[in-house]
Amino acid sequence: MPKVILQISYDIRPEKHDEYLKLVEEMKAHFVSEKKKDYSVYEQRGKKFSYVEQFVCQSMEEFDALEDDQDERGEELVNRLEGLLQEGKSRYVTLAEVG
């Protein structure tokens, strides 16, 4: 089955950077440890305060279930993140494995 990758990229307000790094640890604990998702966060090289979250799904069905599988804790973490974003904007990219 082809894998599906969801990437969410955004810039963090510089004055909120320390708060963001603490939030990342909470998000990893929730999505990886509790929800058992293949989830990671990356800092973009050469672009300060710019990050990419990545979910790797083993199938289209798992990808489609990401939003349905959101719980109260996950929603609270996402809402906190949105308050740290530069201009409140994020960009989404969905990649489907070929072959």
C-alpha atoms as a PDB file:
ATOM      1  CA  MET A   1       0.000   0.000   0.000  1.00  0.00           C
ATOM      2  CA  PRO A   2       1.363   3.446  -0.860  1.00  0.00           C
ATOM      3  CA  LYS A   3       2.339   5.707   2.015  1.00  0.00           C
ATOM      4  CA  VAL A   4       0.905   9.200   2.418  1.00  0.00           C
ATOM      5  CA  ILE A   5       2.850  12.058   4.013  1.00  0.00           C
ATOM      6  CA  LEU A   6       1.224  15.167   5.425  1.00  0.00           C
ATOM      7  CA  GLN A   7       3.546  18.128   5.945  1.00  0.00           C
ATOM      8  CA  ILE A   8       2.448  21.268   7.752  1.00  0.00           C
ATOM      9  CA  SER A   9       4.880  24.179   7.539  1.00  0.00           C
ATOM     10  CA  TYR A  10       4.761  27.484   9.364  1.00  0.00           C
ATOM     11  CA  ASP A  11       6.805  30.273  10.876  1.00  0.00           C
ATOM     12  CA  ILE A  12       6.819  30.944  14.620  1.00  0.00           C
ATOM     13  CA  ARG A  13       6.829  34.452  16.072  1.00  0.00           C
ATOM     14  CA  PRO A  14      10.407  34.950  17.360  1.00  0.00           C
ATOM     15  CA  GLU A  15       9.274  36.069  20.817  1.00  0.00           C
ATOM     16  CA  LYS A  16       7.289  32.810  21.169  1.00  0.00           C
ATOM     17  CA  HIS A  17      10.168  30.482  20.212  1.00  0.00           C
ATOM     18  CA  ASP A  18      10.868  29.093  23.711  1.00  0.00           C
ATOM     19  CA  GLU A  19       7.168  28.485  24.282  1.00  0.00           C
ATOM     20  CA  TYR A  20       7.004  26.715  20.908  1.00  0.00           C
ATOM     21  CA  LEU A  21       9.881  24.356  21.740  1.00  0.00           C
ATOM     22  CA  LYS A  22       8.100  23.290  24.938  1.00  0.00           C
ATOM     23  CA  LEU A  23       4.876  22.789  22.988  1.00  0.00           C
ATOM     24  CA  VAL A  24       6.705  20.580  20.446  1.00  0.00           C
ATOM     25  CA  GLU A  25       7.680  18.210  23.260  1.00  0.00           C
ATOM     26  CA  GLU A  26       4.034  17.999  24.355  1.00  0.00           C
ATOM     27  CA  MET A  27       2.878  17.410  20.777  1.00  0.00           C
ATOM     28  CA  LYS A  28       5.433  14.636  20.263  1.00  0.00           C
ATOM     29  CA  ALA A  29       4.410  12.984  23.523  1.00  0.00           C
ATOM     30  CA  HIS A  30       0.765  13.109  22.516  1.00  0.00           C
ATOM     31  CA  PHE A  31       0.935  12.138  18.844  1.00  0.00           C
ATOM     32  CA  VAL A  32       3.769   9.581  19.084  1.00  0.00           C
ATOM     33  CA  SER A  33       3.410   8.070  22.543  1.00  0.00           C
ATOM     34  CA  GLU A  34      -0.332   8.283  23.080  1.00  0.00           C
ATOM     35  CA  LYS A  35      -1.816   8.253  19.559  1.00  0.00           C
ATOM     36  CA  LYS A  36       0.926   6.011  18.049  1.00  0.00           C
ATOM     37  CA  LYS A  37       1.381   8.240  14.981  1.00  0.00           C
ATOM     38  CA  ASP A  38       4.546   8.465  12.890  1.00  0.00           C
ATOM     39  CA  TYR A  39       5.007  12.153  13.682  1.00  0.00           C
ATOM     40  CA  SER A  40       8.044  14.415  13.745  1.00  0.00           C
ATOM     41  CA  VAL A  41       8.916  18.113  13.671  1.00  0.00           C
ATOM     42  CA  TYR A  42      11.771  19.655  11.693  1.00  0.00           C
ATOM     43  CA  GLU A  43      13.385  23.073  11.637  1.00  0.00           C
ATOM     44  CA  GLN A  44      14.054  24.379   8.141  1.00  0.00           C
ATOM     45  CA  ARG A  45      17.754  24.899   7.576  1.00  0.00           C
ATOM     46  CA  GLY A  46      18.733  28.469   6.839  1.00  0.00           C
ATOM     47  CA  LYS A  47      15.321  29.854   7.787  1.00  0.00           C
ATOM     48  CA  LYS A  48      15.134  30.785  11.457  1.00  0.00           C
ATOM     49  CA  PHE A  49      11.834  30.152  13.272  1.00  0.00           C
ATOM     50  CA  SER A  50      10.481  28.114  10.334  1.00  0.00           C
ATOM     51  CA  TYR A  51       9.272  24.559  11.031  1.00  0.00           C
ATOM     52  CA  VAL A  52       7.634  21.566   9.366  1.00  0.00           C
ATOM     53  CA  GLU A  53       5.497  18.960  11.110  1.00  0.00           C
ATOM     54  CA  GLN A  54       5.279  15.616   9.334  1.00  0.00           C
ATOM     55  CA  PHE A  55       2.849  12.732   9.681  1.00  0.00           C
ATOM     56  CA  VAL A  56       3.721   9.553   7.755  1.00  0.00           C
ATOM     57  CA  CYS A  57       0.689   7.335   7.159  1.00  0.00           C
ATOM     58  CA  GLN A  58       0.986   3.743   5.986  1.00  0.00           C
ATOM     59  CA  SER A  59      -2.135   4.002   3.793  1.00  0.00           C
ATOM     60  CA  MET A  60      -4.688   6.444   2.422  1.00  0.00           C
ATOM     61  CA  GLU A  61      -7.151   5.081   4.978  1.00  0.00           C
ATOM     62  CA  GLU A  62      -4.819   6.017   7.842  1.00  0.00           C
ATOM     63  CA  PHE A  63      -4.352   9.476   6.321  1.00  0.00           C
ATOM     64  CA  ASP A  64      -8.111   9.965   5.944  1.00  0.00           C
ATOM     65  CA  ALA A  65      -8.576   8.979   9.600  1.00  0.00           C
ATOM     66  CA  LEU A  66      -6.084  11.576  10.918  1.00  0.00           C
ATOM     67  CA  GLU A  67      -8.705  14.261  11.377  1.00  0.00           C
ATOM     68  CA  ASP A  68     -11.362  11.845  12.651  1.00  0.00           C
ATOM     69  CA  ASP A  69      -8.880  10.482  15.206  1.00  0.00           C
ATOM     70  CA  GLN A  70      -8.312  13.929  16.745  1.00  0.00           C
ATOM     71  CA  ASP A  71      -9.144  14.036  20.449  1.00  0.00           C
ATOM     72  CA  GLU A  72      -9.641  16.886  22.905  1.00  0.00           C
ATOM     73  CA  ARG A  73      -5.964  16.965  23.906  1.00  0.00           C
ATOM     74  CA  GLY A  74      -4.818  17.080  20.273  1.00  0.00           C
ATOM     75  CA  GLU A  75      -7.209  19.923  19.530  1.00  0.00           C
ATOM     76  CA  GLU A  76      -5.941  21.848  22.562  1.00  0.00           C
ATOM     77  CA  LEU A  77      -2.318  21.446  21.399  1.00  0.00           C
ATOM     78  CA  VAL A  78      -3.159  22.586  17.863  1.00  0.00           C
ATOM     79  CA  ASN A  79      -5.048  25.611  19.212  1.00  0.00           C
ATOM     80  CA  ARG A  80      -2.040  26.586  21.340  1.00  0.00           C
ATOM     81  CA  LEU A  81       0.218  26.231  18.306  1.00  0.00           C
ATOM     82  CA  GLU A  82      -1.995  28.496  16.217  1.00  0.00           C
ATOM     83  CA  GLY A  83      -1.453  31.261  18.776  1.00  0.00           C
ATOM     84  CA  LEU A  84       2.315  31.111  18.177  1.00  0.00           C
ATOM     85  CA  LEU A  85       2.265  31.325  14.383  1.00  0.00           C
ATOM     86  CA  GLN A  86       3.602  34.267  12.444  1.00  0.00           C
ATOM     87  CA  GLU A  87       0.550  35.850  10.785  1.00  0.00           C
ATOM     88  CA  GLY A  88      -1.514  32.854  11.961  1.00  0.00           C
ATOM     89  CA  LYS A  89      -0.742  30.977   8.744  1.00  0.00           C
ATOM     90  CA  SER A  90       0.361  27.437   7.966  1.00  0.00           C
ATOM     91  CA  ARG A  91       0.814  25.602   4.674  1.00  0.00           C
ATOM     92  CA  TYR A  92      -0.229  22.009   4.048  1.00  0.00           C
ATOM     93  CA  VAL A  93       1.310  19.575   1.560  1.00  0.00           C
ATOM     94  CA  THR A  94       0.056  16.021   1.066  1.00  0.00           C
ATOM     95  CA  LEU A  95       2.378  13.567  -0.690  1.00  0.00           C
ATOM     96  CA  ALA A  96       1.249  10.170  -1.981  1.00  0.00           C
ATOM     97  CA  GLU A  97       3.888   7.520  -2.655  1.00  0.00           C
ATOM     98  CA  VAL A  98       4.178   6.429  -6.278  1.00  0.00           C
ATOM     99  CA  GLY A  99       4.338   2.768  -7.194  1.00  0.00           C
END
